[in-house]
Amino acid sequence: MHKTDMAKAIDRSLDMLGEPSKKAMLFHLAHTFKIPLEGKCSIREIESALKEILGEGASLVIASINNELRQKTR
């Protein structure tokens, strides 16, 4: 299955949480929040879900995702 740039950025950014937490986050993003990680999804959807799950801690993951996406466009 082909991963989108967004999915790759999310995957790499969630690495900071450790593998078990990363897997749990990906599960909740896909199943609880119905975010299509392998399809088109917006950064706003991701931000909203991460803020709901992680609270203020989401800002670190969101910054990492944005950084990953910026690096991809260079």
N, C-alpha and C. Protein backbone atom coordinates (compact mmCIF):
# COMPACT_ATOMS: atom_id res chain seq x y z
N MET A 1 0.84 -1.17 0.00
CA MET A 1 0.00 0.00 0.00
C MET A 1 0.90 1.25 0.00
N HIS A 2 0.55 2.22 -0.79
CA HIS A 2 1.33 3.44 -0.94
C HIS A 2 0.97 4.44 0.14
N LYS A 3 1.98 4.93 0.84
CA LYS A 3 1.73 5.94 1.88
C LYS A 3 1.84 7.33 1.29
N THR A 4 0.92 8.20 1.70
CA THR A 4 0.98 9.59 1.27
C THR A 4 2.08 10.30 2.04
N ASP A 5 2.46 11.48 1.57
CA ASP A 5 3.45 12.28 2.28
C ASP A 5 2.97 12.59 3.69
N MET A 6 1.67 12.87 3.82
CA MET A 6 1.11 13.17 5.13
C MET A 6 1.24 11.95 6.04
N ALA A 7 0.89 10.77 5.53
CA ALA A 7 0.98 9.55 6.34
C ALA A 7 2.42 9.29 6.78
N LYS A 8 3.36 9.51 5.88
CA LYS A 8 4.78 9.33 6.22
C LYS A 8 5.20 10.32 7.29
N ALA A 9 4.77 11.57 7.17
CA ALA A 9 5.13 12.59 8.15
C ALA A 9 4.54 12.26 9.51
N ILE A 10 3.30 11.81 9.53
CA ILE A 10 2.66 11.42 10.79
C ILE A 10 3.41 10.25 11.41
N ASP A 11 3.70 9.26 10.60
CA ASP A 11 4.40 8.06 11.07
C ASP A 11 5.75 8.41 11.69
N ARG A 12 6.53 9.22 10.99
CA ARG A 12 7.85 9.61 11.50
C ARG A 12 7.73 10.47 12.76
N SER A 13 6.75 11.35 12.79
CA SER A 13 6.58 12.25 13.93
C SER A 13 6.13 11.51 15.18
N LEU A 14 5.32 10.50 15.01
CA LEU A 14 4.85 9.74 16.16
C LEU A 14 5.93 8.81 16.73
N ASP A 15 7.03 8.67 16.01
CA ASP A 15 8.16 7.87 16.52
C ASP A 15 8.62 8.37 17.88
N MET A 16 8.47 9.68 18.14
CA MET A 16 8.93 10.26 19.40
C MET A 16 8.18 9.70 20.61
N LEU A 17 7.02 9.07 20.36
CA LEU A 17 6.21 8.53 21.45
C LEU A 17 6.59 7.09 21.82
N GLY A 18 7.41 6.46 21.00
CA GLY A 18 7.74 5.05 21.21
C GLY A 18 6.76 4.19 20.43
N GLU A 19 7.17 2.98 20.09
CA GLU A 19 6.40 2.12 19.20
C GLU A 19 5.00 1.75 19.73
N PRO A 20 4.85 1.33 20.98
CA PRO A 20 3.49 0.98 21.45
C PRO A 20 2.53 2.17 21.42
N SER A 21 3.01 3.34 21.85
CA SER A 21 2.16 4.54 21.84
C SER A 21 1.86 4.99 20.42
N LYS A 22 2.85 4.86 19.56
CA LYS A 22 2.67 5.22 18.15
C LYS A 22 1.57 4.36 17.52
N LYS A 23 1.62 3.06 17.77
CA LYS A 23 0.60 2.16 17.22
C LYS A 23 -0.78 2.51 17.75
N ALA A 24 -0.86 2.83 19.04
CA ALA A 24 -2.15 3.21 19.63
C ALA A 24 -2.67 4.50 19.01
N MET A 25 -1.79 5.47 18.82
CA MET A 25 -2.19 6.75 18.21
C MET A 25 -2.70 6.54 16.79
N LEU A 26 -1.96 5.76 16.00
CA LEU A 26 -2.38 5.50 14.62
C LEU A 26 -3.73 4.80 14.58
N PHE A 27 -3.93 3.86 15.51
CA PHE A 27 -5.22 3.17 15.59
C PHE A 27 -6.34 4.16 15.88
N HIS A 28 -6.14 5.03 16.87
CA HIS A 28 -7.19 5.99 17.25
C HIS A 28 -7.44 7.02 16.17
N LEU A 29 -6.39 7.46 15.50
CA LEU A 29 -6.58 8.41 14.41
C LEU A 29 -7.45 7.79 13.31
N ALA A 30 -7.16 6.52 13.00
CA ALA A 30 -7.89 5.85 11.91
C ALA A 30 -9.28 5.40 12.32
N HIS A 31 -9.42 4.86 13.53
CA HIS A 31 -10.70 4.25 13.91
C HIS A 31 -11.61 5.16 14.73
N THR A 32 -11.05 5.83 15.72
CA THR A 32 -11.86 6.71 16.56
C THR A 32 -12.22 8.00 15.83
N PHE A 33 -11.23 8.58 15.15
CA PHE A 33 -11.44 9.87 14.49
C PHE A 33 -11.73 9.74 12.99
N LYS A 34 -11.70 8.51 12.49
CA LYS A 34 -12.02 8.23 11.08
C LYS A 34 -11.16 9.03 10.10
N ILE A 35 -9.89 9.18 10.43
CA ILE A 35 -8.98 9.92 9.56
C ILE A 35 -8.31 8.91 8.62
N PRO A 36 -8.50 9.10 7.31
CA PRO A 36 -7.96 8.15 6.33
C PRO A 36 -6.45 8.38 6.13
N LEU A 37 -5.65 7.75 6.96
CA LEU A 37 -4.21 8.01 6.92
C LEU A 37 -3.55 7.56 5.62
N GLU A 38 -4.15 6.63 4.93
CA GLU A 38 -3.59 6.18 3.65
C GLU A 38 -4.21 6.92 2.46
N GLY A 39 -5.14 7.79 2.76
CA GLY A 39 -5.79 8.57 1.71
C GLY A 39 -5.57 10.05 1.98
N LYS A 40 -6.45 10.85 1.44
CA LYS A 40 -6.34 12.29 1.66
C LYS A 40 -6.87 12.65 3.03
N CYS A 41 -6.07 13.36 3.78
CA CYS A 41 -6.51 13.90 5.06
C CYS A 41 -5.85 15.26 5.22
N SER A 42 -6.51 16.13 5.94
CA SER A 42 -5.98 17.48 6.09
C SER A 42 -5.20 17.60 7.40
N ILE A 43 -4.27 18.53 7.42
CA ILE A 43 -3.49 18.78 8.63
C ILE A 43 -4.42 19.25 9.74
N ARG A 44 -5.49 19.95 9.40
CA ARG A 44 -6.44 20.42 10.42
C ARG A 44 -7.13 19.24 11.13
N GLU A 45 -7.49 18.22 10.35
CA GLU A 45 -8.09 17.01 10.95
C GLU A 45 -7.11 16.36 11.92
N ILE A 46 -5.87 16.25 11.50
CA ILE A 46 -4.84 15.62 12.31
C ILE A 46 -4.62 16.45 13.58
N GLU A 47 -4.47 17.76 13.42
CA GLU A 47 -4.25 18.65 14.57
C GLU A 47 -5.37 18.52 15.59
N SER A 48 -6.59 18.56 15.11
CA SER A 48 -7.75 18.48 16.00
C SER A 48 -7.76 17.17 16.78
N ALA A 49 -7.53 16.06 16.09
CA ALA A 49 -7.52 14.76 16.75
C ALA A 49 -6.38 14.66 17.75
N LEU A 50 -5.19 15.10 17.36
CA LEU A 50 -4.05 15.02 18.27
C LEU A 50 -4.26 15.88 19.51
N LYS A 51 -4.85 17.06 19.33
CA LYS A 51 -5.13 17.93 20.48
C LYS A 51 -6.14 17.28 21.43
N GLU A 52 -7.11 16.59 20.86
CA GLU A 52 -8.10 15.92 21.70
C GLU A 52 -7.45 14.76 22.48
N ILE A 53 -6.53 14.06 21.85
CA ILE A 53 -5.88 12.92 22.49
C ILE A 53 -4.78 13.36 23.46
N LEU A 54 -3.91 14.26 23.00
CA LEU A 54 -2.71 14.62 23.76
C LEU A 54 -2.79 15.94 24.51
N GLY A 55 -3.82 16.71 24.27
CA GLY A 55 -3.90 18.02 24.91
C GLY A 55 -2.78 18.92 24.42
N GLU A 56 -2.17 19.65 25.35
CA GLU A 56 -1.10 20.59 24.99
C GLU A 56 0.12 19.89 24.41
N GLY A 57 0.31 18.63 24.76
CA GLY A 57 1.45 17.87 24.23
C GLY A 57 1.39 17.66 22.73
N ALA A 58 0.21 17.86 22.15
CA ALA A 58 0.05 17.68 20.71
C ALA A 58 0.91 18.67 19.92
N SER A 59 1.20 19.81 20.50
CA SER A 59 1.96 20.84 19.77
C SER A 59 3.33 20.32 19.31
N LEU A 60 3.96 19.46 20.11
CA LEU A 60 5.26 18.90 19.72
C LEU A 60 5.13 17.99 18.51
N VAL A 61 4.10 17.15 18.51
CA VAL A 61 3.89 16.23 17.39
C VAL A 61 3.48 17.01 16.14
N ILE A 62 2.61 17.99 16.31
CA ILE A 62 2.16 18.81 15.18
C ILE A 62 3.32 19.57 14.55
N ALA A 63 4.18 20.13 15.39
CA ALA A 63 5.36 20.84 14.87
C ALA A 63 6.25 19.88 14.09
N SER A 64 6.41 18.67 14.58
CA SER A 64 7.22 17.68 13.89
C SER A 64 6.60 17.29 12.55
N ILE A 65 5.29 17.11 12.52
CA ILE A 65 4.60 16.78 11.26
C ILE A 65 4.80 17.90 10.25
N ASN A 66 4.60 19.15 10.69
CA ASN A 66 4.79 20.30 9.79
C ASN A 66 6.21 20.37 9.28
N ASN A 67 7.19 20.10 10.15
CA ASN A 67 8.59 20.10 9.75
C ASN A 67 8.86 19.01 8.71
N GLU A 68 8.32 17.82 8.94
CA GLU A 68 8.48 16.71 7.98
C GLU A 68 7.90 17.09 6.62
N LEU A 69 6.74 17.71 6.63
CA LEU A 69 6.09 18.10 5.38
C LEU A 69 6.88 19.19 4.65
N ARG A 70 7.42 20.16 5.41
CA ARG A 70 8.24 21.21 4.81
C ARG A 70 9.49 20.63 4.17
N GLN A 71 10.13 19.67 4.86
CA GLN A 71 11.34 19.05 4.31
C GLN A 71 11.03 18.30 3.01
N LYS A 72 9.85 17.72 2.93
CA LYS A 72 9.45 16.96 1.74
C LYS A 72 9.29 17.89 0.54
N THR A 73 8.90 19.14 0.77
CA THR A 73 8.68 20.07 -0.35
C THR A 73 9.94 20.77 -0.80
N ARG A 74 11.03 20.54 -0.11
CA ARG A 74 12.30 21.19 -0.51
C ARG A 74 12.98 20.44 -1.60
